[in-house]
């Protein structure tokens, strides 16, 4: 599944559809949020599976709100699960995020 996500993100970054992709990055045995801006730097991208599927989660939507406020003219991609997708829809309704400036790349919840 992660290879499909990486492929999609690389396409979005290289085509210029998004300025960056907010996802998860594994480094030194730890997983944390990361803004990917180059399609060639996706080697350490993960979907949050450290010891078991989906065990590492971060509130990426909150990070996305901060990015969107600072860079309001840019479009960003974000890694979402089912619950995150519902959260995004609520943020659109509350005008916290512009749906035209967000591209969600979804994965199934474990």
Protein backbone atom coordinates (compact mmCIF):
# COMPACT_ATOMS: atom_id res chain seq x y z
CA UNK A 1 0.00 0.00 0.00
CA UNK A 2 2.82 2.42 0.84
CA UNK A 3 4.27 2.08 -2.67
CA UNK A 4 0.94 3.17 -4.17
CA UNK A 5 0.86 6.18 -1.85
CA UNK A 6 4.44 7.12 -2.75
CA UNK A 7 3.68 6.83 -6.45
CA UNK A 8 0.63 9.09 -6.15
CA UNK A 9 2.51 11.66 -4.03
CA UNK A 10 5.44 11.70 -6.45
CA UNK A 11 3.05 12.34 -9.35
CA UNK A 12 1.36 15.19 -7.48
CA UNK A 13 4.67 16.83 -6.52
CA UNK A 14 6.31 16.47 -9.92
CA UNK A 15 3.25 17.76 -11.78
CA UNK A 16 3.14 20.83 -9.55
CA UNK A 17 -0.40 20.11 -8.35
CA UNK A 18 0.80 20.40 -4.74
CA UNK A 19 3.54 22.46 -3.10
CA UNK A 20 4.18 19.78 -0.47
CA UNK A 21 2.77 16.61 1.02
CA UNK A 22 2.15 16.26 4.74
CA UNK A 23 2.74 12.66 5.70
CA UNK A 24 4.70 10.45 8.05
CA UNK A 25 8.46 9.94 7.96
CA UNK A 26 10.56 7.29 9.68
CA UNK A 27 13.99 8.25 10.92
CA UNK A 28 16.22 6.62 13.54
CA UNK A 29 13.47 4.18 14.48
CA UNK A 30 10.88 6.90 15.13
CA UNK A 31 7.89 7.99 13.08
CA UNK A 32 6.75 11.60 12.94
CA UNK A 33 5.04 14.14 10.71
CA UNK A 34 7.02 15.48 7.77
CA UNK A 35 6.41 17.86 4.87
CA UNK A 36 7.69 16.24 1.68
CA UNK A 37 8.48 18.76 -1.05
CA UNK A 38 10.48 16.64 -3.50
CA UNK A 39 9.25 13.46 -5.16
CA UNK A 40 12.73 11.97 -4.88
CA UNK A 41 12.74 12.23 -1.06
CA UNK A 42 9.93 9.75 -0.39
CA UNK A 43 12.21 6.85 0.59
CA UNK A 44 11.51 7.19 4.32
CA UNK A 45 7.78 7.86 3.96
CA UNK A 46 5.63 5.48 5.98
CA UNK A 47 1.93 5.11 6.68
CA UNK A 48 2.27 4.74 10.43
CA UNK A 49 3.00 1.04 10.78
CA UNK A 50 5.79 0.75 13.33
CA UNK A 51 5.05 -2.42 15.31
CA UNK A 52 1.57 -3.14 13.98
CA UNK A 53 -0.67 -1.59 11.29
CA UNK A 54 -1.74 1.95 12.11
CA UNK A 55 -0.12 2.14 15.54
CA UNK A 56 1.53 5.52 14.91
CA UNK A 57 -0.89 8.37 14.29
CA UNK A 58 -0.53 12.12 14.34
CA UNK A 59 -3.12 14.90 13.95
CA UNK A 60 -1.93 15.77 10.45
CA UNK A 61 -5.05 17.88 9.84
CA UNK A 62 -3.94 20.25 12.61
CA UNK A 63 -0.51 20.58 11.04
CA UNK A 64 -2.25 21.19 7.70
CA UNK A 65 -4.26 24.08 9.16
CA UNK A 66 -1.03 25.80 10.22
CA UNK A 67 0.52 25.27 6.78
CA UNK A 68 -2.59 26.53 5.01
CA UNK A 69 -2.67 29.68 7.11
CA UNK A 70 0.98 30.47 6.47
CA UNK A 71 0.91 29.55 2.76
CA UNK A 72 -2.68 30.35 1.82
CA UNK A 73 -2.00 30.49 -1.93
CA UNK A 74 -0.41 27.03 -2.10
CA UNK A 75 -2.05 23.62 -2.41
CA UNK A 76 -0.92 20.80 -0.14
CA UNK A 77 -1.47 17.06 -0.07
CA UNK A 78 -2.11 15.18 3.15
CA UNK A 79 -2.11 11.54 4.20
CA UNK A 80 -5.55 10.62 5.56
CA UNK A 81 -7.33 7.62 7.01
CA UNK A 82 -11.12 7.34 7.13
CA UNK A 83 -11.44 9.31 10.37
CA UNK A 84 -9.04 11.97 9.08
CA UNK A 85 -11.12 12.33 5.92
CA UNK A 86 -14.23 13.01 8.01
CA UNK A 87 -12.23 15.55 10.00
CA UNK A 88 -11.18 17.30 6.79
CA UNK A 89 -14.80 17.59 5.70
CA UNK A 90 -15.67 19.23 9.01
CA UNK A 91 -12.75 21.65 8.62
CA UNK A 92 -14.06 22.61 5.17
CA UNK A 93 -17.53 23.27 6.61
CA UNK A 94 -16.06 25.44 9.37
CA UNK A 95 -13.93 27.34 6.82
CA UNK A 96 -10.73 26.24 8.54
CA UNK A 97 -9.42 24.84 5.25
CA UNK A 98 -10.18 25.54 1.61
CA UNK A 99 -11.10 22.26 -0.13
CA UNK A 100 -9.63 23.61 -3.38
CA UNK A 101 -6.22 23.85 -1.70
CA UNK A 102 -6.09 20.34 -0.23
CA UNK A 103 -5.56 17.00 -1.98
CA UNK A 104 -6.15 14.05 0.33
CA UNK A 105 -4.37 10.78 -0.34
CA UNK A 106 -6.26 8.16 1.60
CA UNK A 107 -5.45 4.81 3.09
CA UNK A 108 -7.75 2.32 4.74
CA UNK A 109 -7.89 2.13 8.53
CA UNK A 110 -6.42 -1.10 9.91
